[in-house]
């Protein structure tokens, strides 16, 4: 008998610089302008950078950036499968050009109880944030999360978010696609214990 070992070499291709992080959250940023008129935009660049801190990249040309600098507050709702078309729309159209874009998107708002910013009725989960700092030159924004709110319909009996009831979407940046969050496949800080000796 002979044992034949075949080594299979995987081929990797260098893709260069780019924004290839999979997946990215679909953040819908809610703000008020100086007249109290609500606005929202789809922001594809951002994430949690500390326990109570959020970092976003928002170009200074956006009305949202101007609103945040004036009000020092905003909300971040998470896009959902049920409202993917509306979530995409608020990223395609600027309130500088279409002042009633929330109405056109089919979104309705109400005032946050903790910050001077609107919440979107149709999106059941949101972070309520206060501005820490914003650099208009590079668009980097840091904010403190002062409250998290969620509709009771997406909570389990223990008061936690239930992903079988809440259907967030994620963004595939290189291919410009939106995807639904899939099934649960493991437990954080627990599944890996099987490899601990």
C-alpha atoms as a PDB file:
ATOM      1  CA  UNK A   1       0.000   0.000   0.000  1.00  0.00           C
ATOM      2  CA  UNK A   2       1.095   3.506  -0.772  1.00  0.00           C
ATOM      3  CA  UNK A   3      -0.231   6.677   0.714  1.00  0.00           C
ATOM      4  CA  UNK A   4      -0.412   9.463  -1.840  1.00  0.00           C
ATOM      5  CA  UNK A   5      -0.539  12.950  -0.396  1.00  0.00           C
ATOM      6  CA  UNK A   6      -1.780  15.617  -2.720  1.00  0.00           C
ATOM      7  CA  UNK A   7      -1.164  19.165  -1.618  1.00  0.00           C
ATOM      8  CA  UNK A   8      -3.768  21.594  -2.880  1.00  0.00           C
ATOM      9  CA  UNK A   9      -2.562  25.142  -2.980  1.00  0.00           C
ATOM     10  CA  UNK A  10      -5.223  27.787  -2.695  1.00  0.00           C
ATOM     11  CA  UNK A  11      -4.886  30.710  -4.996  1.00  0.00           C
ATOM     12  CA  UNK A  12      -5.370  34.181  -3.594  1.00  0.00           C
ATOM     13  CA  UNK A  13      -5.775  37.326  -5.604  1.00  0.00           C
ATOM     14  CA  UNK A  14      -4.736  40.717  -4.299  1.00  0.00           C
ATOM     15  CA  UNK A  15      -7.620  43.143  -4.664  1.00  0.00           C
ATOM     16  CA  UNK A  16      -5.755  46.281  -3.648  1.00  0.00           C
ATOM     17  CA  UNK A  17      -7.214  49.037  -1.526  1.00  0.00           C
ATOM     18  CA  UNK A  18     -10.952  49.218  -1.013  1.00  0.00           C
ATOM     19  CA  UNK A  19     -13.906  49.077   1.334  1.00  0.00           C
ATOM     20  CA  UNK A  20     -14.226  45.306   1.427  1.00  0.00           C
ATOM     21  CA  UNK A  21     -15.683  44.735   4.870  1.00  0.00           C
ATOM     22  CA  UNK A  22     -18.528  42.241   5.000  1.00  0.00           C
ATOM     23  CA  UNK A  23     -21.187  42.928   6.002  1.00  0.00           C
ATOM     24  CA  UNK A  24     -21.785  46.567   6.903  1.00  0.00           C
ATOM     25  CA  UNK A  25     -24.810  47.848   8.820  1.00  0.00           C
ATOM     26  CA  UNK A  26     -27.446  49.903   7.032  1.00  0.00           C
ATOM     27  CA  UNK A  27     -27.717  52.996   9.216  1.00  0.00           C
ATOM     28  CA  UNK A  28     -30.572  55.420   8.626  1.00  0.00           C
ATOM     29  CA  UNK A  29     -29.555  58.715  10.236  1.00  0.00           C
ATOM     30  CA  UNK A  30     -32.410  60.902  11.491  1.00  0.00           C
ATOM     31  CA  UNK A  31     -31.955  64.634  12.098  1.00  0.00           C
ATOM     32  CA  UNK A  32     -33.874  67.894  12.397  1.00  0.00           C
ATOM     33  CA  UNK A  33     -32.860  71.021  10.541  1.00  0.00           C
ATOM     34  CA  UNK A  34     -32.872  74.508  12.071  1.00  0.00           C
ATOM     35  CA  UNK A  35     -36.650  74.746  11.431  1.00  0.00           C
ATOM     36  CA  UNK A  36     -37.439  71.394  13.068  1.00  0.00           C
ATOM     37  CA  UNK A  37     -38.062  69.649   9.729  1.00  0.00           C
ATOM     38  CA  UNK A  38     -37.051  65.970   9.902  1.00  0.00           C
ATOM     39  CA  UNK A  39     -34.589  64.416   7.479  1.00  0.00           C
ATOM     40  CA  UNK A  40     -33.017  60.990   7.068  1.00  0.00           C
ATOM     41  CA  UNK A  41     -30.138  59.566   5.078  1.00  0.00           C
ATOM     42  CA  UNK A  42     -28.692  56.112   4.488  1.00  0.00           C
ATOM     43  CA  UNK A  43     -25.124  55.926   5.814  1.00  0.00           C
ATOM     44  CA  UNK A  44     -23.099  52.897   4.797  1.00  0.00           C
ATOM     45  CA  UNK A  45     -19.913  53.706   6.709  1.00  0.00           C
ATOM     46  CA  UNK A  46     -19.900  53.329  10.457  1.00  0.00           C
ATOM     47  CA  UNK A  47     -19.914  51.163  13.516  1.00  0.00           C
ATOM     48  CA  UNK A  48     -19.639  50.876  17.274  1.00  0.00           C
ATOM     49  CA  UNK A  49     -16.175  51.999  18.361  1.00  0.00           C
ATOM     50  CA  UNK A  50     -16.571  51.906  22.147  1.00  0.00           C
ATOM     51  CA  UNK A  51     -19.146  50.671  24.645  1.00  0.00           C
ATOM     52  CA  UNK A  52     -21.263  53.807  24.290  1.00  0.00           C
ATOM     53  CA  UNK A  53     -19.696  55.350  21.190  1.00  0.00           C
ATOM     54  CA  UNK A  54     -20.562  55.321  17.496  1.00  0.00           C
ATOM     55  CA  UNK A  55     -18.338  56.470  14.638  1.00  0.00           C
ATOM     56  CA  UNK A  56     -19.665  57.409  11.199  1.00  0.00           C
ATOM     57  CA  UNK A  57     -18.296  58.829   7.970  1.00  0.00           C
ATOM     58  CA  UNK A  58     -20.619  61.517   6.593  1.00  0.00           C
ATOM     59  CA  UNK A  59     -19.503  63.978   3.939  1.00  0.00           C
ATOM     60  CA  UNK A  60     -19.852  67.638   4.904  1.00  0.00           C
ATOM     61  CA  UNK A  61     -21.923  68.197   1.748  1.00  0.00           C
ATOM     62  CA  UNK A  62     -24.825  66.194   3.192  1.00  0.00           C
ATOM     63  CA  UNK A  63     -27.692  68.089   4.781  1.00  0.00           C
ATOM     64  CA  UNK A  64     -27.500  65.515   7.576  1.00  0.00           C
ATOM     65  CA  UNK A  65     -23.949  66.658   8.425  1.00  0.00           C
ATOM     66  CA  UNK A  66     -25.126  70.262   8.607  1.00  0.00           C
ATOM     67  CA  UNK A  67     -28.114  69.300  10.776  1.00  0.00           C
ATOM     68  CA  UNK A  68     -25.939  67.304  13.190  1.00  0.00           C
ATOM     69  CA  UNK A  69     -23.536  70.200  13.590  1.00  0.00           C
ATOM     70  CA  UNK A  70     -26.448  72.547  14.388  1.00  0.00           C
ATOM     71  CA  UNK A  71     -28.451  70.261  16.680  1.00  0.00           C
ATOM     72  CA  UNK A  72     -25.548  68.220  18.151  1.00  0.00           C
ATOM     73  CA  UNK A  73     -27.848  65.180  18.060  1.00  0.00           C
ATOM     74  CA  UNK A  74     -29.204  62.481  15.754  1.00  0.00           C
ATOM     75  CA  UNK A  75     -30.750  59.009  15.726  1.00  0.00           C
ATOM     76  CA  UNK A  76     -29.502  55.879  13.985  1.00  0.00           C
ATOM     77  CA  UNK A  77     -32.201  53.437  12.944  1.00  0.00           C
ATOM     78  CA  UNK A  78     -31.295  50.083  11.442  1.00  0.00           C
ATOM     79  CA  UNK A  79     -32.668  49.330   7.971  1.00  0.00           C
ATOM     80  CA  UNK A  80     -35.005  46.355   7.725  1.00  0.00           C
ATOM     81  CA  UNK A  81     -36.040  43.868   5.052  1.00  0.00           C
ATOM     82  CA  UNK A  82     -39.587  45.209   5.138  1.00  0.00           C
ATOM     83  CA  UNK A  83     -38.399  48.710   4.230  1.00  0.00           C
ATOM     84  CA  UNK A  84     -35.346  48.084   2.018  1.00  0.00           C
ATOM     85  CA  UNK A  85     -36.748  50.223  -0.827  1.00  0.00           C
ATOM     86  CA  UNK A  86     -37.423  53.193   1.457  1.00  0.00           C
ATOM     87  CA  UNK A  87     -34.029  52.801   3.165  1.00  0.00           C
ATOM     88  CA  UNK A  88     -32.267  52.830  -0.187  1.00  0.00           C
ATOM     89  CA  UNK A  89     -34.310  55.808  -1.388  1.00  0.00           C
ATOM     90  CA  UNK A  90     -33.220  58.069   1.479  1.00  0.00           C
ATOM     91  CA  UNK A  91     -29.639  57.334   0.447  1.00  0.00           C
ATOM     92  CA  UNK A  92     -30.259  58.146  -3.208  1.00  0.00           C
ATOM     93  CA  UNK A  93     -31.976  61.497  -2.763  1.00  0.00           C
ATOM     94  CA  UNK A  94     -30.700  64.548  -0.909  1.00  0.00           C
ATOM     95  CA  UNK A  95     -32.961  66.709   1.239  1.00  0.00           C
ATOM     96  CA  UNK A  96     -31.069  69.615  -0.311  1.00  0.00           C
ATOM     97  CA  UNK A  97     -32.928  68.735  -3.541  1.00  0.00           C
ATOM     98  CA  UNK A  98     -36.047  66.903  -2.272  1.00  0.00           C
ATOM     99  CA  UNK A  99     -37.198  68.481   1.016  1.00  0.00           C
ATOM    100  CA  UNK A 100     -40.062  65.978   1.445  1.00  0.00           C
ATOM    101  CA  UNK A 101     -37.968  62.865   0.847  1.00  0.00           C
ATOM    102  CA  UNK A 102     -39.179  61.204   4.080  1.00  0.00           C
ATOM    103  CA  UNK A 103     -42.770  61.506   2.886  1.00  0.00           C
ATOM    104  CA  UNK A 104     -41.791  60.185  -0.552  1.00  0.00           C
ATOM    105  CA  UNK A 105     -40.060  57.234   1.150  1.00  0.00           C
ATOM    106  CA  UNK A 106     -43.218  56.435   3.114  1.00  0.00           C
ATOM    107  CA  UNK A 107     -41.511  57.108   6.444  1.00  0.00           C
ATOM    108  CA  UNK A 108     -43.197  58.835   9.400  1.00  0.00           C
ATOM    109  CA  UNK A 109     -41.330  60.369  12.314  1.00  0.00           C
ATOM    110  CA  UNK A 110     -41.804  61.277  15.954  1.00  0.00           C
ATOM    111  CA  UNK A 111     -39.515  63.124  18.348  1.00  0.00           C
ATOM    112  CA  UNK A 112     -36.997  61.220  20.460  1.00  0.00           C
ATOM    113  CA  UNK A 113     -37.475  61.595  24.221  1.00  0.00           C
ATOM    114  CA  UNK A 114     -33.727  61.833  24.883  1.00  0.00           C
ATOM    115  CA  UNK A 115     -32.140  63.816  22.006  1.00  0.00           C
ATOM    116  CA  UNK A 116     -33.236  66.594  19.646  1.00  0.00           C
ATOM    117  CA  UNK A 117     -33.747  64.297  16.668  1.00  0.00           C
ATOM    118  CA  UNK A 118     -36.520  62.271  14.992  1.00  0.00           C
ATOM    119  CA  UNK A 119     -37.198  58.560  15.202  1.00  0.00           C
ATOM    120  CA  UNK A 120     -38.710  56.694  12.247  1.00  0.00           C
ATOM    121  CA  UNK A 121     -41.923  54.865  13.090  1.00  0.00           C
ATOM    122  CA  UNK A 122     -41.406  52.146  10.479  1.00  0.00           C
ATOM    123  CA  UNK A 123     -37.912  51.184  11.699  1.00  0.00           C
ATOM    124  CA  UNK A 124     -38.305  49.460  15.094  1.00  0.00           C
ATOM    125  CA  UNK A 125     -34.792  49.816  16.506  1.00  0.00           C
ATOM    126  CA  UNK A 126     -32.675  52.941  16.986  1.00  0.00           C
ATOM    127  CA  UNK A 127     -29.694  54.439  18.761  1.00  0.00           C
ATOM    128  CA  UNK A 128     -30.164  57.976  20.097  1.00  0.00           C
ATOM    129  CA  UNK A 129     -26.910  59.907  19.931  1.00  0.00           C
ATOM    130  CA  UNK A 130     -25.236  63.151  20.966  1.00  0.00           C
ATOM    131  CA  UNK A 131     -22.374  64.554  18.908  1.00  0.00           C
ATOM    132  CA  UNK A 132     -18.889  64.326  20.429  1.00  0.00           C
ATOM    133  CA  UNK A 133     -16.951  65.680  17.466  1.00  0.00           C
ATOM    134  CA  UNK A 134     -17.164  66.077  13.704  1.00  0.00           C
ATOM    135  CA  UNK A 135     -14.369  66.795  11.243  1.00  0.00           C
ATOM    136  CA  UNK A 136     -15.839  68.290   8.051  1.00  0.00           C
ATOM    137  CA  UNK A 137     -12.544  67.815   6.213  1.00  0.00           C
ATOM    138  CA  UNK A 138     -12.605  64.023   6.348  1.00  0.00           C
ATOM    139  CA  UNK A 139     -16.258  63.485   7.333  1.00  0.00           C
ATOM    140  CA  UNK A 140     -15.424  61.512  10.479  1.00  0.00           C
ATOM    141  CA  UNK A 141     -18.018  61.822  13.225  1.00  0.00           C
ATOM    142  CA  UNK A 142     -17.971  60.491  16.784  1.00  0.00           C
ATOM    143  CA  UNK A 143     -21.062  60.369  18.958  1.00  0.00           C
ATOM    144  CA  UNK A 144     -22.147  59.122  22.357  1.00  0.00           C
ATOM    145  CA  UNK A 145     -25.058  56.684  22.461  1.00  0.00           C
ATOM    146  CA  UNK A 146     -27.347  58.078  25.169  1.00  0.00           C
ATOM    147  CA  UNK A 147     -30.234  55.669  24.652  1.00  0.00           C
ATOM    148  CA  UNK A 148     -31.302  52.624  22.683  1.00  0.00           C
ATOM    149  CA  UNK A 149     -34.986  52.202  21.913  1.00  0.00           C
ATOM    150  CA  UNK A 150     -36.897  49.339  20.361  1.00  0.00           C
ATOM    151  CA  UNK A 151     -40.503  48.562  19.594  1.00  0.00           C
ATOM    152  CA  UNK A 152     -41.892  45.946  21.984  1.00  0.00           C
ATOM    153  CA  UNK A 153     -42.931  43.812  19.010  1.00  0.00           C
ATOM    154  CA  UNK A 154     -39.269  42.910  18.282  1.00  0.00           C
ATOM    155  CA  UNK A 155     -38.389  41.962  21.864  1.00  0.00           C
ATOM    156  CA  UNK A 156     -38.377  38.520  23.432  1.00  0.00           C
ATOM    157  CA  UNK A 157     -39.926  37.764  26.828  1.00  0.00           C
ATOM    158  CA  UNK A 158     -36.725  38.876  28.581  1.00  0.00           C
ATOM    159  CA  UNK A 159     -36.758  42.277  26.874  1.00  0.00           C
ATOM    160  CA  UNK A 160     -33.909  41.534  24.454  1.00  0.00           C
ATOM    161  CA  UNK A 161     -33.912  41.988  20.668  1.00  0.00           C
ATOM    162  CA  UNK A 162     -35.277  38.865  18.961  1.00  0.00           C
ATOM    163  CA  UNK A 163     -33.876  38.493  15.427  1.00  0.00           C
ATOM    164  CA  UNK A 164     -36.762  36.209  14.510  1.00  0.00           C
ATOM    165  CA  UNK A 165     -38.977  39.283  14.978  1.00  0.00           C
ATOM    166  CA  UNK A 166     -36.571  42.019  13.878  1.00  0.00           C
ATOM    167  CA  UNK A 167     -35.214  41.709  10.336  1.00  0.00           C
ATOM    168  CA  UNK A 168     -32.188  43.994   9.840  1.00  0.00           C
ATOM    169  CA  UNK A 169     -30.435  44.295   6.512  1.00  0.00           C
ATOM    170  CA  UNK A 170     -26.711  44.555   5.837  1.00  0.00           C
ATOM    171  CA  UNK A 171     -24.797  46.182   3.012  1.00  0.00           C
ATOM    172  CA  UNK A 172     -22.333  44.442   0.678  1.00  0.00           C
ATOM    173  CA  UNK A 173     -20.131  47.396  -0.295  1.00  0.00           C
ATOM    174  CA  UNK A 174     -18.077  45.888  -3.158  1.00  0.00           C
ATOM    175  CA  UNK A 175     -21.164  44.544  -4.946  1.00  0.00           C
ATOM    176  CA  UNK A 176     -23.687  47.219  -3.873  1.00  0.00           C
ATOM    177  CA  UNK A 177     -26.154  44.708  -2.472  1.00  0.00           C
ATOM    178  CA  UNK A 178     -28.455  44.516   0.527  1.00  0.00           C
ATOM    179  CA  UNK A 179     -28.846  41.208   2.345  1.00  0.00           C
ATOM    180  CA  UNK A 180     -31.101  39.901   5.082  1.00  0.00           C
ATOM    181  CA  UNK A 181     -29.457  38.676   8.277  1.00  0.00           C
ATOM    182  CA  UNK A 182     -29.524  34.875   8.269  1.00  0.00           C
ATOM    183  CA  UNK A 183     -30.011  32.120  10.771  1.00  0.00           C
ATOM    184  CA  UNK A 184     -28.237  31.878  14.105  1.00  0.00           C
ATOM    185  CA  UNK A 185     -25.248  29.537  13.814  1.00  0.00           C
ATOM    186  CA  UNK A 186     -23.532  29.875  17.175  1.00  0.00           C
ATOM    187  CA  UNK A 187     -23.285  31.594  20.530  1.00  0.00           C
ATOM    188  CA  UNK A 188     -20.800  34.412  21.047  1.00  0.00           C
ATOM    189  CA  UNK A 189     -18.290  33.779  23.849  1.00  0.00           C
ATOM    190  CA  UNK A 190     -19.563  30.201  24.115  1.00  0.00           C
ATOM    191  CA  UNK A 191     -19.186  28.266  20.839  1.00  0.00           C
ATOM    192  CA  UNK A 192     -15.391  28.592  20.947  1.00  0.00           C
ATOM    193  CA  UNK A 193     -15.220  26.997  24.388  1.00  0.00           C
ATOM    194  CA  UNK A 194     -15.274  23.632  22.587  1.00  0.00           C
ATOM    195  CA  UNK A 195     -11.649  24.278  21.574  1.00  0.00           C
ATOM    196  CA  UNK A 196     -10.419  25.360  25.017  1.00  0.00           C
ATOM    197  CA  UNK A 197      -8.420  22.746  26.887  1.00  0.00           C
END
